[in-house]
C-alpha atoms as a PDB file:
ATOM      1  CA  MET A   1      67.711  73.578 -69.447  1.00  0.00           C
ATOM      2  CA  VAL A   2      66.922  71.041 -72.144  1.00  0.00           C
ATOM      3  CA  THR A   3      68.830  69.134 -74.818  1.00  0.00           C
ATOM      4  CA  VAL A   4      67.556  69.266 -78.396  1.00  0.00           C
ATOM      5  CA  LYS A   5      68.542  66.545 -80.854  1.00  0.00           C
ATOM      6  CA  LEU A   6      68.745  67.815 -84.401  1.00  0.00           C
ATOM      7  CA  GLN A   7      67.592  65.655 -87.275  1.00  0.00           C
ATOM      8  CA  PRO A   8      70.671  64.620 -89.299  1.00  0.00           C
ATOM      9  CA  ALA A   9      68.569  64.597 -92.473  1.00  0.00           C
ATOM     10  CA  SER A  10      67.750  68.275 -91.968  1.00  0.00           C
ATOM     11  CA  LEU A  11      71.450  69.134 -91.776  1.00  0.00           C
ATOM     12  CA  GLN A  12      71.940  67.913 -95.378  1.00  0.00           C
ATOM     13  CA  SER A  13      75.648  67.196 -95.192  1.00  0.00           C
ATOM     14  CA  ASN A  14      78.041  64.286 -95.377  1.00  0.00           C
ATOM     15  CA  CYS A  15      80.020  65.705 -92.442  1.00  0.00           C
ATOM     16  CA  LEU A  16      79.895  63.995 -89.094  1.00  0.00           C
ATOM     17  CA  GLU A  17      76.927  65.288 -87.114  1.00  0.00           C
ATOM     18  CA  LEU A  18      79.128  66.745 -84.358  1.00  0.00           C
ATOM     19  CA  ILE A  19      81.224  68.720 -86.808  1.00  0.00           C
ATOM     20  CA  MET A  20      78.171  69.859 -88.741  1.00  0.00           C
ATOM     21  CA  VAL A  21      76.317  71.034 -85.621  1.00  0.00           C
ATOM     22  CA  GLN A  22      79.390  72.962 -84.445  1.00  0.00           C
ATOM     23  CA  ILE A  23      79.925  74.479 -87.901  1.00  0.00           C
ATOM     24  CA  LEU A  24      76.285  75.515 -88.110  1.00  0.00           C
ATOM     25  CA  LEU A  25      76.415  77.093 -84.658  1.00  0.00           C
ATOM     26  CA  ARG A  26      79.477  79.126 -85.715  1.00  0.00           C
ATOM     27  CA  TYR A  27      77.743  79.992 -88.996  1.00  0.00           C
ATOM     28  CA  ILE A  28      74.692  81.222 -87.071  1.00  0.00           C
ATOM     29  CA  ALA A  29      76.955  83.217 -84.735  1.00  0.00           C
ATOM     30  CA  CYS A  30      78.837  84.805 -87.642  1.00  0.00           C
ATOM     31  CA  HIS A  31      75.552  85.846 -89.244  1.00  0.00           C
ATOM     32  CA  GLY A  32      74.005  87.093 -86.027  1.00  0.00           C
ATOM     33  CA  SER A  33      72.030  89.933 -87.576  1.00  0.00           C
ATOM     34  CA  ARG A  34      70.422  87.527 -90.064  1.00  0.00           C
ATOM     35  CA  TYR A  35      69.222  85.223 -87.292  1.00  0.00           C
ATOM     36  CA  GLU A  36      68.889  87.906 -84.580  1.00  0.00           C
ATOM     37  CA  VAL A  37      71.322  86.205 -82.215  1.00  0.00           C
ATOM     38  CA  LEU A  38      74.478  87.346 -80.459  1.00  0.00           C
ATOM     39  CA  ASP A  39      77.753  85.453 -80.446  1.00  0.00           C
ATOM     40  CA  LEU A  40      78.934  84.785 -76.885  1.00  0.00           C
ATOM     41  CA  LEU A  41      82.502  84.191 -78.091  1.00  0.00           C
ATOM     42  CA  GLN A  42      83.093  87.916 -77.613  1.00  0.00           C
ATOM     43  CA  PHE A  43      82.530  87.310 -73.892  1.00  0.00           C
ATOM     44  CA  GLY A  44      84.843  84.286 -73.808  1.00  0.00           C
ATOM     45  CA  THR A  45      82.174  81.612 -74.159  1.00  0.00           C
ATOM     46  CA  PRO A  46      82.874  79.464 -77.222  1.00  0.00           C
ATOM     47  CA  ASP A  47      80.211  77.556 -79.115  1.00  0.00           C
ATOM     48  CA  ALA A  48      77.272  79.545 -77.752  1.00  0.00           C
ATOM     49  CA  VAL A  49      74.790  82.119 -79.029  1.00  0.00           C
ATOM     50  CA  VAL A  50      71.975  83.962 -77.284  1.00  0.00           C
ATOM     51  CA  CYS A  51      68.726  85.550 -78.419  1.00  0.00           C
ATOM     52  CA  HIS A  52      66.056  87.484 -76.574  1.00  0.00           C
ATOM     53  CA  SER A  53      62.263  87.547 -76.617  1.00  0.00           C
ATOM     54  CA  SER A  54      59.920  89.828 -74.731  1.00  0.00           C
ATOM     55  CA  SER A  55      57.072  87.314 -74.912  1.00  0.00           C
ATOM     56  CA  GLY A  56      58.792  83.928 -74.874  1.00  0.00           C
ATOM     57  CA  SER A  57      57.865  83.382 -78.514  1.00  0.00           C
ATOM     58  CA  PHE A  58      61.139  83.153 -80.401  1.00  0.00           C
ATOM     59  CA  PHE A  59      59.464  82.969 -83.820  1.00  0.00           C
ATOM     60  CA  HIS A  60      57.569  86.243 -83.560  1.00  0.00           C
ATOM     61  CA  ARG A  61      59.786  88.627 -81.656  1.00  0.00           C
ATOM     62  CA  PRO A  62      60.646  92.245 -82.212  1.00  0.00           C
ATOM     63  CA  PRO A  63      64.271  92.740 -83.206  1.00  0.00           C
ATOM     64  CA  SER A  64      66.684  93.521 -80.397  1.00  0.00           C
ATOM     65  CA  THR A  65      68.327  96.900 -80.442  1.00  0.00           C
ATOM     66  CA  ILE A  66      72.031  96.659 -81.274  1.00  0.00           C
ATOM     67  CA  THR A  67      74.111  99.816 -81.241  1.00  0.00           C
ATOM     68  CA  LEU A  68      76.764  99.328 -83.922  1.00  0.00           C
ATOM     69  CA  SER A  69      79.265 101.782 -82.463  1.00  0.00           C
ATOM     70  CA  THR A  70      79.466 100.013 -79.104  1.00  0.00           C
ATOM     71  CA  ARG A  71      78.021  96.610 -80.076  1.00  0.00           C
ATOM     72  CA  LYS A  72      75.905  97.033 -76.959  1.00  0.00           C
ATOM     73  CA  VAL A  73      72.685  95.061 -76.929  1.00  0.00           C
ATOM     74  CA  GLU A  74      69.510  96.387 -75.437  1.00  0.00           C
ATOM     75  CA  PRO A  75      67.418  93.256 -74.917  1.00  0.00           C
ATOM     76  CA  LEU A  76      63.729  93.773 -75.288  1.00  0.00           C
ATOM     77  CA  GLY A  77      63.020  90.671 -73.419  1.00  0.00           C
ATOM     78  CA  GLU A  78      61.620  88.789 -70.575  1.00  0.00           C
ATOM     79  CA  TYR A  79      63.426  85.682 -71.836  1.00  0.00           C
ATOM     80  CA  SER A  80      66.949  84.979 -73.008  1.00  0.00           C
ATOM     81  CA  LEU A  81      67.730  81.740 -74.825  1.00  0.00           C
ATOM     82  CA  VAL A  82      71.290  80.386 -74.849  1.00  0.00           C
ATOM     83  CA  LEU A  83      72.130  77.696 -77.430  1.00  0.00           C
ATOM     84  CA  THR A  84      75.396  75.821 -76.969  1.00  0.00           C
ATOM     85  CA  THR A  85      77.212  72.662 -78.010  1.00  0.00           C
ATOM     86  CA  GLN A  86      79.130  72.686 -74.732  1.00  0.00           C
ATOM     87  CA  PRO A  87      77.751  70.240 -72.160  1.00  0.00           C
ATOM     88  CA  LEU A  88      76.201  72.127 -69.245  1.00  0.00           C
ATOM     89  CA  THR A  89      76.162  68.990 -67.124  1.00  0.00           C
ATOM     90  CA  ARG A  90      78.796  66.368 -66.454  1.00  0.00           C
ATOM     91  CA  LYS A  91      77.396  63.964 -68.997  1.00  0.00           C
ATOM     92  CA  PRO A  92      78.566  64.571 -72.576  1.00  0.00           C
ATOM     93  CA  LEU A  93      76.174  65.690 -75.287  1.00  0.00           C
ATOM     94  CA  ASP A  94      75.179  63.512 -78.199  1.00  0.00           C
ATOM     95  CA  LYS A  95      76.987  64.489 -81.373  1.00  0.00           C
ATOM     96  CA  ASP A  96      73.826  65.813 -83.045  1.00  0.00           C
ATOM     97  CA  ALA A  97      72.521  67.823 -80.083  1.00  0.00           C
ATOM     98  CA  VAL A  98      72.613  71.314 -78.652  1.00  0.00           C
ATOM     99  CA  GLN A  99      71.682  72.393 -75.166  1.00  0.00           C
ATOM    100  CA  LEU A 100      69.237  75.197 -74.501  1.00  0.00           C
ATOM    101  CA  LEU A 101      69.223  77.341 -71.421  1.00  0.00           C
ATOM    102  CA  LEU A 102      66.132  79.526 -71.044  1.00  0.00           C
ATOM    103  CA  LEU A 103      66.535  82.432 -68.636  1.00  0.00           C
ATOM    104  CA  LYS A 104      63.602  84.541 -67.432  1.00  0.00           C
ATOM    105  CA  SER A 105      64.510  88.069 -66.406  1.00  0.00           C
ATOM    106  CA  THR A 106      61.423  88.981 -64.371  1.00  0.00           C
ATOM    107  CA  PRO A 107      59.594  87.231 -61.550  1.00  0.00           C
ATOM    108  CA  SER A 108      56.704  85.040 -62.676  1.00  0.00           C
ATOM    109  CA  GLU A 109      54.065  87.194 -61.035  1.00  0.00           C
ATOM    110  CA  LEU A 110      55.253  90.181 -63.083  1.00  0.00           C
ATOM    111  CA  GLY A 111      55.990  88.385 -66.354  1.00  0.00           C
ATOM    112  CA  VAL A 112      53.067  86.100 -67.152  1.00  0.00           C
ATOM    113  CA  GLY A 113      50.141  87.896 -68.730  1.00  0.00           C
ATOM    114  CA  ASN A 114      50.258  90.743 -71.189  1.00  0.00           C
ATOM    115  CA  GLY A 115      51.208  88.267 -73.924  1.00  0.00           C
ATOM    116  CA  VAL A 116      54.162  86.745 -72.061  1.00  0.00           C
ATOM    117  CA  LEU A 117      54.271  82.960 -72.240  1.00  0.00           C
ATOM    118  CA  PRO A 118      54.742  80.858 -69.096  1.00  0.00           C
ATOM    119  CA  ALA A 119      58.215  79.311 -68.806  1.00  0.00           C
ATOM    120  CA  GLU A 120      57.077  75.793 -69.801  1.00  0.00           C
ATOM    121  CA  ARG A 121      55.432  77.036 -72.999  1.00  0.00           C
ATOM    122  CA  ALA A 122      58.380  79.324 -73.764  1.00  0.00           C
ATOM    123  CA  LEU A 123      60.727  76.328 -73.450  1.00  0.00           C
ATOM    124  CA  GLN A 124      58.604  74.323 -75.899  1.00  0.00           C
ATOM    125  CA  GLU A 125      58.666  77.264 -78.298  1.00  0.00           C
ATOM    126  CA  ALA A 126      62.449  77.542 -77.862  1.00  0.00           C
ATOM    127  CA  GLN A 127      62.886  73.880 -78.844  1.00  0.00           C
ATOM    128  CA  LEU A 128      60.837  74.356 -82.012  1.00  0.00           C
ATOM    129  CA  PHE A 129      62.694  77.577 -82.768  1.00  0.00           C
ATOM    130  CA  THR A 130      66.076  75.842 -82.382  1.00  0.00           C
ATOM    131  CA  ARG A 131      65.167  73.026 -84.768  1.00  0.00           C
ATOM    132  CA  GLU A 132      63.907  75.508 -87.349  1.00  0.00           C
ATOM    133  CA  LEU A 133      66.925  77.789 -86.861  1.00  0.00           C
ATOM    134  CA  PHE A 134      69.361  74.957 -87.576  1.00  0.00           C
ATOM    135  CA  ARG A 135      67.293  73.719 -90.538  1.00  0.00           C
ATOM    136  CA  VAL A 136      67.264  77.173 -92.145  1.00  0.00           C
ATOM    137  CA  ALA A 137      70.935  77.799 -91.314  1.00  0.00           C
ATOM    138  CA  ALA A 138      71.875  74.494 -92.986  1.00  0.00           C
ATOM    139  CA  GLN A 139      70.114  75.621 -96.157  1.00  0.00           C
ATOM    140  CA  HIS A 140      71.769  79.050 -96.046  1.00  0.00           C
ATOM    141  CA  CYS A 141      75.198  77.562 -95.354  1.00  0.00           C
ATOM    142  CA  GLU A 142      74.872  75.126 -98.253  1.00  0.00           C
ATOM    143  CA  ARG A 143      73.726  77.956-100.536  1.00  0.00           C
ATOM    144  CA  ASP A 144      76.639  80.180 -99.452  1.00  0.00           C
ATOM    145  CA  LEU A 145      79.145  77.400-100.106  1.00  0.00           C
ATOM    146  CA  LEU A 146      77.859  76.885-103.639  1.00  0.00           C
END
């Protein structure tokens, strides 16, 4: 688990950072197919999205298989990345931050190798991915509002 502070300048809005981060997270969740994420609100978890990666690289990942009739997701991944604005610890989050929870679905001895990143490197990649995701979503959101 790690906390990622987003650059307020990259959010390009006059809104308070907390409101903007929460709005962008909902925007990302509502456009899940665009960003290849799933909204966890359907499972009762507000302010959280998840994405999967078979290698730990969240930039270059094959799309997950989503069956439209059942909305069932077939993850292709060794890793699942949860992004949330809800504090996962007792201490509150900064207003311009999201928390990341990286889950590995196979034991290390089975997962590393064959192009699968070690957990530490996958977490670094997840942090970069999150910053870029929010930067791009801010641009898309601003464009959609115009």
